[in-house]
Amino acid sequence: MNDDNRPSASPILDPLARYASWCLAGVLLVAAVLRVWGINFGLPFVEHPDEPFWVTQVLKMIKSGDPNPHDFIYPSLYYYVNALIYLVYYGFGRLFGTFGSLADLTEPALLIGGSGKTTLPALFLTGRSLSVALGVATVALTFDLGRRITGFVLGGMLAGLWVAFSPTLVANSRFLIPDGPLAFFTTLVVWAAWRIYQDGRTRDYLLAGVALGLAVGLKYNVAVFALAIVTAHFLRTGWRGIKDWRLYGAGAISVVVFLATTPFAILDSQAFLQGAFIDIRHYTGGHAGNTGNSLTWYLAYFWRTEGPVLLLAAAGALWGAYKRSRGAILVATTTLAYLLFISVFAVHAERMALPLIPLFAVLAAYFLVSLLPSQAPDRKGVQLGAAAALLVIALIFPLAGAVRDTVRLTTPDGRDTARTWIDRNLPAGSRIGVESYAPWIDPAKFSPQGFYRLDGQPAEWYAAEGYDYLVFSQTMFRRFYADPVKFAADIARYEALFSAFEEVKVFTDGGYEVRVYRVPQP
């Protein structure tokens, strides 16, 4: 089924048409290099707050032999995939004499979220490698989706490059968390939905249902992507498609796949419902420093990270609606629905928005390709020049951000210098309070105690409890200073602590601030 009246790719209008495979290979190589670069960040220290949760929970399941995760804030697919990876890793360890029993798979030690240490960095690298692999696969899917919707290999290459360069996707493709892999499955849903519209084969409905079930098996909130399947179906069939059993079959398959990857949603339904509602309450209730007008926050975030791609995507959505491009309408409808859905919640986070970036890339590519002349006229310099200028700016912006963020990630920062300084300069046995994201402090030498936030107690309490030092972390306390009006009370509590205690040392290496204060004893 032809999407619109755009011509198919040709050597005149699309000089890349003859080299599609090479273009794809080049884009994937760039994507892989950006994601592998820095994959071992932090190790053996654990600086991401969520990675230790997954490692610990999966190891608990393996050692106990209990396939029930007993924690359903997330669905279970990511648990099971990593459990399989760890069992393979353990099997090789047994084969080569590294491990004698499952007890040798040791959990990471944590002071508090964002402050931990592992004796088995491989447990983190394996999970991060999975994220890298699916991150590169997301680029491949976006390349093909962009090519199909624009009708040009050039459109696929542009969409693929934007996803390859995206600072947010690059960063989250290095983490051992489900959000990076999630973008692959949500993109697969849209890709399969496009096949439904274009070809309408039963196997396309089957693939779309499986992809949706796997996506929801990673995170509940992406169930909204079912709209892509529904939209594609009715764009192809019109309202008569309401009687087509394949639409309902795709929905049924998605439910079956979800239950197959999260079987204890039925087998332990009470725990499942409790866990799912905990997540809902969290996102509707609030999170320290991450609440407010979520729609405004997401748009501002995308502008800071993706830059012109956001504007080009908006232009692509509008232009697609004007030209009645079914492909652009399908992608734009899904994009808008998911953006509005996550904006309903009080809590906002970059990882919630990851599934949108491949869709932005496709819409942006559609708009830029639409600037190409429909034929090869003698005078086309102005039109092609404008498209080329937009292209260069839109590609450089995210690439520069991805490189900058990776350099920052792999460069020693205030946590590293503070950790070394504390170990060498503070008296052994000191009782030290540390908040989230603070540097690791050796429990064998000191007496550290983790706090989610150090402003949770007044200055007098720390003195009365015998604390010698407090260590403050930028990622926690600085988040409130970004909005001094909304978080005036939080800032006041921190300032009260800063004024009550003696500043010993402030570290700002690599743009990351860590403060060490001495607690005066009564």
Protein backbone atom coordinates (compact mmCIF):
# COMPACT_ATOMS: atom_id res chain seq x y z
CA MET A 1 0.00 0.00 0.00
CA ASN A 2 1.49 3.34 -1.05
CA ASP A 3 1.77 5.81 1.81
CA ASP A 4 1.59 9.00 -0.24
CA ASN A 5 2.70 10.36 -3.58
CA ARG A 6 6.39 10.55 -2.77
CA PRO A 7 8.60 8.96 -5.40
CA SER A 8 10.53 5.85 -4.52
CA ALA A 9 14.26 6.04 -3.85
CA SER A 10 16.39 6.68 -6.93
CA PRO A 11 20.04 7.53 -7.65
CA ILE A 12 18.94 11.09 -8.56
CA LEU A 13 16.80 11.97 -5.56
CA ASP A 14 18.41 9.56 -3.12
CA PRO A 15 22.11 9.11 -3.88
CA LEU A 16 22.33 6.57 -1.04
CA ALA A 17 19.83 4.18 -2.60
CA ARG A 18 22.56 2.00 -4.13
CA TYR A 19 24.45 1.77 -0.85
CA ALA A 20 21.66 1.00 1.63
CA SER A 21 23.50 -1.89 3.29
CA TRP A 22 26.69 0.12 3.68
CA CYS A 23 24.76 3.06 5.10
CA LEU A 24 23.09 0.83 7.67
CA ALA A 25 26.41 -0.78 8.61
CA GLY A 26 28.03 2.64 9.05
CA VAL A 27 25.23 3.94 11.25
CA LEU A 28 25.29 0.80 13.41
CA LEU A 29 29.07 1.02 13.79
CA VAL A 30 28.80 4.61 15.03
CA ALA A 31 25.99 3.63 17.40
CA ALA A 32 27.98 0.72 18.81
CA VAL A 33 31.15 2.79 19.35
CA LEU A 34 29.26 5.53 21.22
CA ARG A 35 27.55 2.99 23.47
CA VAL A 36 30.52 0.73 24.19
CA TRP A 37 32.67 3.75 24.99
CA GLY A 38 32.44 4.12 28.75
CA ILE A 39 30.49 0.90 29.37
CA ASN A 40 32.71 0.14 32.38
CA PHE A 41 32.12 3.54 33.98
CA GLY A 42 32.53 3.71 37.74
CA LEU A 43 33.44 0.07 38.27
CA PRO A 44 34.22 -1.45 40.72
CA PHE A 45 32.30 1.38 42.36
CA VAL A 46 28.56 1.49 41.68
CA GLU A 47 27.28 4.99 41.00
CA HIS A 48 23.94 4.32 39.32
CA PRO A 49 21.20 4.07 41.98
CA ASP A 50 19.14 1.36 40.25
CA GLU A 51 21.72 -1.06 38.88
CA PRO A 52 22.47 -2.73 42.25
CA PHE A 53 18.76 -3.39 42.77
CA TRP A 54 18.58 -5.51 39.63
CA VAL A 55 21.81 -7.38 40.36
CA THR A 56 20.79 -8.14 43.94
CA GLN A 57 17.25 -9.22 43.08
CA VAL A 58 18.35 -11.48 40.23
CA LEU A 59 21.05 -13.11 42.35
CA LYS A 60 18.50 -13.69 45.09
CA MET A 61 16.22 -15.49 42.62
CA ILE A 62 19.07 -17.64 41.29
CA LYS A 63 20.41 -18.64 44.70
CA SER A 64 17.00 -19.38 46.18
CA GLY A 65 15.70 -21.17 43.11
CA ASP A 66 12.48 -19.17 43.49
CA PRO A 67 11.30 -17.76 40.12
CA ASN A 68 8.88 -15.44 41.90
CA PRO A 69 10.62 -12.04 42.18
CA HIS A 70 8.18 -11.01 44.96
CA ASP A 71 8.63 -7.43 43.73
CA PHE A 72 6.33 -6.13 41.01
CA ILE A 73 7.13 -2.45 40.84
CA TYR A 74 8.47 -3.64 37.48
CA PRO A 75 7.20 -6.62 35.48
CA SER A 76 9.38 -9.74 35.46
CA LEU A 77 10.90 -10.01 31.97
CA TYR A 78 14.05 -8.10 32.87
CA TYR A 79 14.59 -10.29 35.92
CA TYR A 80 14.40 -13.47 33.87
CA VAL A 81 16.61 -12.27 31.02
CA ASN A 82 19.37 -11.24 33.41
CA ALA A 83 18.94 -14.45 35.41
CA LEU A 84 19.61 -16.42 32.23
CA ILE A 85 22.70 -14.31 31.52
CA TYR A 86 24.01 -14.80 35.05
CA LEU A 87 23.48 -18.55 34.89
CA VAL A 88 25.47 -18.73 31.66
CA TYR A 89 28.19 -16.59 33.26
CA TYR A 90 28.18 -18.85 36.31
CA GLY A 91 28.36 -21.94 34.11
CA PHE A 92 31.52 -20.68 32.42
CA GLY A 93 32.91 -19.76 35.84
CA ARG A 94 32.34 -23.29 37.10
CA LEU A 95 33.89 -24.71 33.94
CA PHE A 96 37.10 -22.72 34.41
CA GLY A 97 37.24 -23.06 38.19
CA THR A 98 36.38 -19.44 39.01
CA PHE A 99 33.24 -20.34 40.97
CA GLY A 100 32.69 -23.24 43.32
CA SER A 101 29.03 -22.57 44.11
CA LEU A 102 26.33 -19.99 43.57
CA ALA A 103 27.41 -18.37 46.83
CA ASP A 104 30.47 -17.08 44.95
CA LEU A 105 28.16 -14.74 43.00
CA THR A 106 28.36 -11.95 45.54
CA GLU A 107 25.93 -9.07 45.72
CA PRO A 108 27.23 -5.50 45.57
CA ALA A 109 27.73 -3.70 48.88
CA LEU A 110 25.72 -0.50 49.29
CA LEU A 111 25.86 2.44 51.65
CA ILE A 112 22.85 4.07 49.98
CA GLY A 113 21.55 4.50 46.43
CA GLY A 114 24.33 5.66 44.12
CA SER A 115 27.07 4.72 46.59
CA GLY A 116 28.21 1.13 46.38
CA LYS A 117 30.99 -1.27 45.40
CA THR A 118 31.12 -4.67 43.72
CA THR A 119 33.68 -7.45 43.80
CA LEU A 120 32.28 -8.86 40.53
CA PRO A 121 32.19 -6.09 37.92
CA ALA A 122 31.26 -8.71 35.31
CA LEU A 123 27.77 -8.91 36.81
CA PHE A 124 27.29 -5.29 35.79
CA LEU A 125 29.10 -5.51 32.45
CA THR A 126 26.95 -8.40 31.24
CA GLY A 127 23.73 -6.52 31.91
CA ARG A 128 25.15 -3.33 30.42
CA SER A 129 26.20 -5.29 27.33
CA LEU A 130 22.60 -6.40 26.85
CA SER A 131 21.55 -2.75 26.91
CA VAL A 132 24.24 -1.89 24.37
CA ALA A 133 23.15 -4.68 22.02
CA LEU A 134 19.48 -3.70 22.14
CA GLY A 135 20.44 -0.04 21.86
CA VAL A 136 22.21 -0.75 18.57
CA ALA A 137 19.25 -2.88 17.46
CA THR A 138 16.98 0.11 18.16
CA VAL A 139 19.07 2.12 15.71
CA ALA A 140 18.63 -0.60 13.08
CA LEU A 141 14.85 -0.65 13.56
CA THR A 142 14.64 3.13 13.37
CA PHE A 143 16.75 3.12 10.21
CA ASP A 144 14.35 0.72 8.52
CA LEU A 145 11.24 2.48 9.80
CA GLY A 146 12.56 5.83 8.58
CA ARG A 147 13.40 4.33 5.19
CA ARG A 148 9.97 2.79 4.80
CA ILE A 149 7.99 5.84 5.87
CA THR A 150 10.00 8.41 3.88
CA GLY A 151 10.55 6.15 0.88
CA PHE A 152 14.25 7.01 0.88
CA VAL A 153 17.37 5.34 2.21
CA LEU A 154 18.43 8.87 3.11
CA GLY A 155 15.41 9.10 5.43
CA GLY A 156 16.39 5.86 7.12
CA MET A 157 19.97 7.01 7.54
CA LEU A 158 18.92 10.33 9.08
CA ALA A 159 16.52 8.66 11.52
CA GLY A 160 19.13 6.05 12.41
CA LEU A 161 21.85 8.65 12.99
CA TRP A 162 19.64 10.71 15.28
CA VAL A 163 18.95 7.66 17.42
CA ALA A 164 22.63 6.65 17.27
CA PHE A 165 23.66 10.15 18.44
CA SER A 166 20.91 10.77 21.01
CA PRO A 167 22.60 11.64 24.33
CA THR A 168 19.72 10.17 26.31
CA LEU A 169 19.64 6.88 24.41
CA VAL A 170 23.42 6.58 24.38
CA ALA A 171 23.58 7.06 28.15
CA ASN A 172 20.75 4.65 28.96
CA SER A 173 22.18 2.04 26.60
CA ARG A 174 25.06 1.64 29.08
CA PHE A 175 22.97 1.08 32.19
CA LEU A 176 21.84 -2.22 33.67
CA ILE A 177 18.22 -1.11 33.80
CA PRO A 178 15.22 -2.01 31.59
CA ASP A 179 14.69 1.46 30.12
CA GLY A 180 17.32 1.28 27.37
CA PRO A 181 16.15 -2.15 26.13
CA LEU A 182 12.56 -0.91 26.40
CA ALA A 183 13.12 1.55 23.55
CA PHE A 184 13.91 -1.38 21.26
CA PHE A 185 10.62 -3.13 21.95
CA THR A 186 8.46 0.00 21.70
CA THR A 187 10.13 0.83 18.38
CA LEU A 188 9.48 -2.74 17.29
CA VAL A 189 5.79 -2.24 18.08
CA VAL A 190 5.64 0.81 15.81
CA TRP A 191 7.69 -0.94 13.11
CA ALA A 192 5.30 -3.91 13.17
CA ALA A 193 2.32 -1.53 13.17
CA TRP A 194 3.66 0.07 10.02
CA ARG A 195 3.86 -3.38 8.45
CA ILE A 196 0.22 -3.90 9.41
CA TYR A 197 -0.73 -0.75 7.54
CA GLN A 198 1.52 -1.43 4.59
CA ASP A 199 0.96 -5.18 4.07
CA GLY A 200 -1.81 -6.21 6.45
CA ARG A 201 -0.59 -9.78 6.82
CA THR A 202 -1.62 -11.94 9.74
CA ARG A 203 2.01 -12.43 10.73
CA ASP A 204 2.37 -8.65 11.07
CA TYR A 205 -0.42 -8.63 13.64
CA LEU A 206 1.27 -11.55 15.39
CA LEU A 207 4.62 -9.72 15.52
CA ALA A 208 2.99 -6.53 16.77
CA GLY A 209 1.21 -8.40 19.57
CA VAL A 210 4.38 -10.20 20.64
CA ALA A 211 6.38 -6.95 20.59
CA LEU A 212 3.76 -5.16 22.69
CA GLY A 213 3.64 -8.01 25.21
CA LEU A 214 7.43 -7.96 25.57
CA ALA A 215 7.47 -4.17 25.93
CA VAL A 216 4.86 -4.21 28.69
CA GLY A 217 6.79 -7.11 30.22
CA LEU A 218 9.61 -4.62 30.78
CA LYS A 219 7.56 -1.63 31.99
CA TYR A 220 3.83 -1.29 32.46
CA ASN A 221 3.49 2.28 31.19
CA VAL A 222 4.23 1.47 27.54
CA ALA A 223 0.90 -0.31 27.16
CA VAL A 224 -0.06 2.99 25.51
CA PHE A 225 1.83 1.78 22.43
CA ALA A 226 -1.11 -0.50 21.71
CA LEU A 227 -2.52 2.62 20.06
CA ALA A 228 0.04 2.21 17.25
CA ILE A 229 -1.43 -1.17 16.36
CA VAL A 230 -5.00 0.12 16.50
CA THR A 231 -4.13 3.21 14.45
CA ALA A 232 -2.32 1.21 11.77
CA HIS A 233 -5.19 -1.26 11.55
CA PHE A 234 -7.88 1.36 10.96
CA LEU A 235 -5.70 3.44 8.65
CA ARG A 236 -5.58 0.39 6.41
CA THR A 237 -9.08 -1.01 6.76
CA GLY A 238 -11.25 1.94 7.71
CA TRP A 239 -14.11 1.40 10.13
CA ARG A 240 -14.96 -1.92 8.52
CA GLY A 241 -11.83 -3.23 10.24
CA ILE A 242 -13.72 -3.32 13.53
CA LYS A 243 -14.86 -6.81 12.53
CA ASP A 244 -11.37 -8.03 11.67
CA TRP A 245 -10.43 -10.69 14.24
CA ARG A 246 -6.71 -10.07 13.76
CA LEU A 247 -6.86 -6.79 15.66
CA TYR A 248 -8.28 -8.56 18.70
CA GLY A 249 -5.90 -11.44 18.12
CA ALA A 250 -2.93 -9.05 18.39
CA GLY A 251 -4.33 -7.79 21.69
CA ALA A 252 -4.83 -11.31 23.00
CA ILE A 253 -1.32 -12.33 21.98
CA SER A 254 0.15 -9.31 23.78
CA VAL A 255 -1.64 -10.35 26.98
CA VAL A 256 -0.45 -13.95 26.62
CA VAL A 257 3.16 -12.83 26.07
CA PHE A 258 2.99 -10.46 29.03
CA LEU A 259 1.68 -13.21 31.31
CA ALA A 260 4.31 -15.62 29.99
CA THR A 261 7.05 -13.14 30.98
CA THR A 262 5.33 -12.09 34.24
CA PRO A 263 3.59 -15.34 35.24
CA PHE A 264 3.21 -14.41 38.88
CA ALA A 265 0.81 -11.67 37.87
CA ILE A 266 -1.63 -14.60 38.13
CA LEU A 267 0.23 -16.99 40.40
CA ASP A 268 0.83 -14.31 43.04
CA SER A 269 -1.82 -11.80 42.05
CA GLN A 270 -2.01 -10.03 45.41
CA ALA A 271 1.72 -9.20 45.45
CA PHE A 272 1.52 -8.25 41.79
CA LEU A 273 -1.29 -5.76 42.35
CA GLN A 274 0.43 -4.28 45.40
CA GLY A 275 3.68 -3.78 43.48
CA ALA A 276 1.99 -2.26 40.44
CA PHE A 277 0.03 0.19 42.59
CA ILE A 278 3.19 1.19 44.47
CA ASP A 279 4.63 2.33 41.14
CA ILE A 280 1.45 4.22 40.29
CA ARG A 281 1.43 5.96 43.67
CA HIS A 282 5.08 6.89 43.24
CA TYR A 283 4.55 8.58 39.88
CA THR A 284 1.35 10.29 40.94
CA GLY A 285 2.56 11.23 44.41
CA GLY A 286 5.99 12.75 43.95
CA HIS A 287 9.72 12.22 44.05
CA ALA A 288 12.31 14.50 45.64
CA GLY A 289 13.24 17.20 43.15
CA ASN A 290 11.43 15.55 40.23
CA THR A 291 7.89 16.87 40.47
CA GLY A 292 6.04 19.68 38.72
CA ASN A 293 4.56 20.34 35.29
CA SER A 294 5.77 17.21 33.53
CA LEU A 295 4.85 18.25 29.99
CA THR A 296 6.88 21.44 30.28
CA TRP A 297 9.74 19.51 31.84
CA TYR A 298 9.83 16.89 29.07
CA LEU A 299 9.75 19.47 26.29
CA ALA A 300 12.51 21.49 27.96
CA TYR A 301 14.54 18.33 28.50
CA PHE A 302 14.24 17.26 24.87
CA TRP A 303 15.23 20.74 23.74
CA ARG A 304 18.36 20.62 25.93
CA THR A 305 19.39 17.14 24.82
CA GLU A 306 18.04 16.54 21.31
CA GLY A 307 17.92 20.18 20.24
CA PRO A 308 16.63 20.89 16.71
CA VAL A 309 15.41 17.30 16.32
CA LEU A 310 12.46 18.20 18.55
CA LEU A 311 11.43 21.08 16.27
CA LEU A 312 11.97 19.02 13.12
CA ALA A 313 9.83 16.24 14.60
CA ALA A 314 7.02 18.69 15.37
CA ALA A 315 7.29 20.05 11.83
CA GLY A 316 7.24 16.50 10.48
CA ALA A 317 4.07 15.70 12.42
CA LEU A 318 2.31 18.81 11.14
CA TRP A 319 3.52 18.35 7.59
CA GLY A 320 2.50 14.70 7.64
CA ALA A 321 -1.00 15.64 8.79
CA TYR A 322 -1.24 18.26 6.04
CA LYS A 323 -0.04 15.84 3.36
CA ARG A 324 -2.15 13.03 4.87
CA SER A 325 0.88 10.78 5.05
CA ARG A 326 -0.35 7.64 6.75
CA GLY A 327 3.13 6.76 8.02
CA ALA A 328 3.70 10.17 9.58
CA ILE A 329 0.20 10.13 11.08
CA LEU A 330 0.82 6.69 12.61
CA VAL A 331 4.10 7.78 14.22
CA ALA A 332 2.82 11.21 15.27
CA THR A 333 -0.32 9.79 16.88
CA THR A 334 1.68 7.30 18.92
CA THR A 335 4.20 9.99 19.88
CA LEU A 336 1.59 12.45 21.05
CA ALA A 337 -0.38 9.83 22.97
CA TYR A 338 2.64 8.59 24.91
CA LEU A 339 3.97 12.10 25.57
CA LEU A 340 0.62 13.22 26.99
CA PHE A 341 0.30 10.02 29.00
CA ILE A 342 3.64 10.38 30.81
CA SER A 343 2.95 14.10 31.28
CA VAL A 344 -0.13 13.31 33.37
CA PHE A 345 2.07 12.10 36.23
CA ALA A 346 3.55 14.45 38.80
CA VAL A 347 6.94 12.70 38.62
CA HIS A 348 9.05 13.09 35.51
CA ALA A 349 12.29 11.36 34.55
CA GLU A 350 14.34 11.14 31.39
CA ARG A 351 14.07 7.37 31.23
CA MET A 352 10.27 7.59 30.97
CA ALA A 353 10.73 9.50 27.72
CA LEU A 354 13.18 7.11 26.00
CA PRO A 355 10.55 5.44 23.75
CA LEU A 356 9.77 8.83 22.20
CA ILE A 357 13.24 9.50 20.78
CA PRO A 358 13.14 6.98 17.88
CA LEU A 359 9.72 8.35 16.94
CA PHE A 360 11.06 11.92 17.00
CA ALA A 361 13.88 10.78 14.74
CA VAL A 362 11.50 9.27 12.17
CA LEU A 363 9.28 12.37 12.10
CA ALA A 364 12.31 14.65 11.79
CA ALA A 365 13.67 12.55 8.93
CA TYR A 366 10.27 12.64 7.23
CA PHE A 367 10.23 16.43 7.34
CA LEU A 368 13.78 16.87 6.05
CA VAL A 369 13.27 14.37 3.24
CA SER A 370 10.07 16.20 2.29
CA LEU A 371 12.25 19.22 1.49
CA LEU A 372 13.87 17.28 -1.34
CA PRO A 373 12.58 18.25 -4.78
CA SER A 374 10.13 15.76 -6.22
CA GLN A 375 12.16 15.72 -9.43
CA ALA A 376 15.67 16.72 -10.43
CA PRO A 377 15.27 20.30 -11.72
CA ASP A 378 18.17 22.36 -12.99
CA ARG A 379 17.94 24.78 -10.08
CA LYS A 380 17.55 23.10 -6.76
CA GLY A 381 20.43 24.62 -4.82
CA VAL A 382 18.36 26.72 -2.41
CA GLN A 383 16.04 23.88 -1.47
CA LEU A 384 18.82 21.36 -1.01
CA GLY A 385 21.01 23.92 0.75
CA ALA A 386 18.33 24.64 3.33
CA ALA A 387 17.82 20.94 3.97
CA ALA A 388 21.57 20.37 4.26
CA ALA A 389 21.99 23.23 6.75
CA LEU A 390 19.17 21.92 8.92
CA LEU A 391 20.63 18.44 8.70
CA VAL A 392 24.13 19.47 9.80
CA ILE A 393 22.84 21.48 12.77
CA ALA A 394 20.40 18.78 13.83
CA LEU A 395 23.06 16.07 13.70
CA ILE A 396 25.88 17.98 15.38
CA PHE A 397 23.78 19.02 18.38
CA PRO A 398 22.98 15.55 19.78
CA LEU A 399 26.36 14.11 18.77
CA ALA A 400 28.18 16.84 20.68
CA GLY A 401 25.99 16.16 23.69
CA ALA A 402 26.61 12.41 23.57
CA VAL A 403 30.37 12.87 23.32
CA ARG A 404 30.38 15.50 26.08
CA ASP A 405 28.36 13.29 28.43
CA THR A 406 30.55 10.26 27.76
CA VAL A 407 33.75 12.19 28.37
CA ARG A 408 32.26 13.45 31.63
CA LEU A 409 31.18 9.91 32.58
CA THR A 410 34.64 8.46 31.99
CA THR A 411 36.61 11.32 33.59
CA PRO A 412 37.35 11.18 37.34
CA ASP A 413 35.08 13.60 39.17
CA GLY A 414 34.43 14.89 42.67
CA ARG A 415 33.31 11.49 43.90
CA ASP A 416 36.63 9.93 42.94
CA THR A 417 38.81 12.62 44.47
CA ALA A 418 36.62 12.83 47.58
CA ARG A 419 36.76 9.06 48.06
CA THR A 420 40.56 9.07 47.88
CA TRP A 421 40.90 12.12 50.13
CA ILE A 422 38.53 10.74 52.78
CA ASP A 423 40.39 7.44 52.86
CA ARG A 424 43.73 9.18 53.35
CA ASN A 425 42.81 12.08 55.62
CA LEU A 426 39.90 11.28 57.92
CA PRO A 427 40.62 9.37 61.14
CA ALA A 428 39.99 5.64 60.95
CA GLY A 429 36.82 4.62 62.74
CA SER A 430 35.11 7.98 62.13
CA ARG A 431 31.34 7.82 62.05
CA ILE A 432 30.32 9.33 58.72
CA GLY A 433 26.85 10.08 57.38
CA VAL A 434 26.56 9.95 53.59
CA GLU A 435 23.59 10.77 51.41
CA SER A 436 22.57 9.26 48.07
CA TYR A 437 25.11 9.50 45.24
CA ALA A 438 27.97 10.31 47.64
CA PRO A 439 31.35 8.59 47.19
CA TRP A 440 31.90 5.10 48.52
CA ILE A 441 33.41 5.01 52.01
CA ASP A 442 35.14 1.82 53.10
CA PRO A 443 33.17 0.19 55.97
CA ALA A 444 36.27 -1.79 56.95
CA LYS A 445 38.08 1.44 57.85
CA PHE A 446 35.26 3.81 58.83
CA SER A 447 31.77 3.61 60.25
CA PRO A 448 29.62 4.97 57.40
CA GLN A 449 25.82 5.27 57.51
CA GLY A 450 23.76 5.95 54.42
CA PHE A 451 20.85 8.42 54.33
CA TYR A 452 18.55 9.01 51.40
CA ARG A 453 18.83 12.75 52.19
CA LEU A 454 20.93 14.28 54.91
CA ASP A 455 18.45 17.12 55.44
CA GLY A 456 16.04 14.62 56.92
CA GLN A 457 17.43 15.29 60.39
CA PRO A 458 18.36 18.59 62.12
CA ALA A 459 21.96 19.46 62.98
CA GLU A 460 21.45 18.69 66.65
CA TRP A 461 20.44 15.12 65.88
CA TYR A 462 23.70 14.31 64.09
CA ALA A 463 25.72 15.73 66.98
CA ALA A 464 23.69 13.83 69.56
CA GLU A 465 24.06 10.56 67.60
CA GLY A 466 27.82 10.88 67.57
CA TYR A 467 28.47 11.52 63.88
CA ASP A 468 31.92 12.93 63.15
CA TYR A 469 31.45 13.90 59.49
CA LEU A 470 28.71 14.33 56.89
CA VAL A 471 29.25 13.91 53.14
CA PHE A 472 26.85 15.72 50.80
CA SER A 473 26.38 14.88 47.12
CA GLN A 474 25.52 17.20 44.26
CA THR A 475 23.04 14.84 42.65
CA MET A 476 20.92 14.93 45.78
CA PHE A 477 21.17 18.38 47.36
CA ARG A 478 21.76 20.43 44.19
CA ARG A 479 18.54 19.24 42.57
CA PHE A 480 16.56 21.48 44.90
CA TYR A 481 18.56 24.59 44.07
CA ALA A 482 17.40 24.33 40.45
CA ASP A 483 13.98 25.62 41.56
CA PRO A 484 14.49 27.75 44.71
CA VAL A 485 10.83 28.81 44.84
CA LYS A 486 9.27 25.34 44.73
CA PHE A 487 11.89 23.78 47.00
CA ALA A 488 12.50 26.68 49.37
CA ALA A 489 11.89 24.52 52.45
CA ASP A 490 14.32 21.83 51.27
CA ILE A 491 17.00 24.41 50.54
CA ALA A 492 16.48 25.99 53.95
CA ARG A 493 17.07 22.65 55.66
CA TYR A 494 20.28 22.07 53.75
CA GLU A 495 21.50 25.60 54.40
CA ALA A 496 20.83 25.10 58.11
CA LEU A 497 23.12 22.06 58.08
CA PHE A 498 25.81 23.85 56.09
CA SER A 499 25.83 26.76 58.52
CA ALA A 500 25.76 24.57 61.63
CA PHE A 501 28.77 22.43 60.70
CA GLU A 502 32.39 23.16 59.83
CA GLU A 503 33.23 22.85 56.15
CA VAL A 504 36.25 20.56 55.81
CA LYS A 505 36.59 20.11 52.06
CA VAL A 506 34.63 20.78 48.86
CA PHE A 507 35.41 18.81 45.70
CA THR A 508 34.24 19.99 42.27
CA ASP A 509 36.38 17.90 39.91
CA GLY A 510 34.69 17.03 36.66
CA GLY A 511 31.81 19.36 37.49
CA TYR A 512 30.57 17.08 40.28
CA GLU A 513 30.34 18.61 43.75
CA VAL A 514 30.93 16.71 46.99
CA ARG A 515 31.01 18.48 50.36
CA VAL A 516 32.56 17.14 53.55
CA TYR A 517 31.55 18.75 56.88
CA ARG A 518 32.76 18.11 60.42
CA VAL A 519 30.06 17.65 63.06
CA PRO A 520 30.99 19.46 66.32
CA GLN A 521 30.52 17.24 69.32
CA PRO A 522 28.36 18.52 72.19
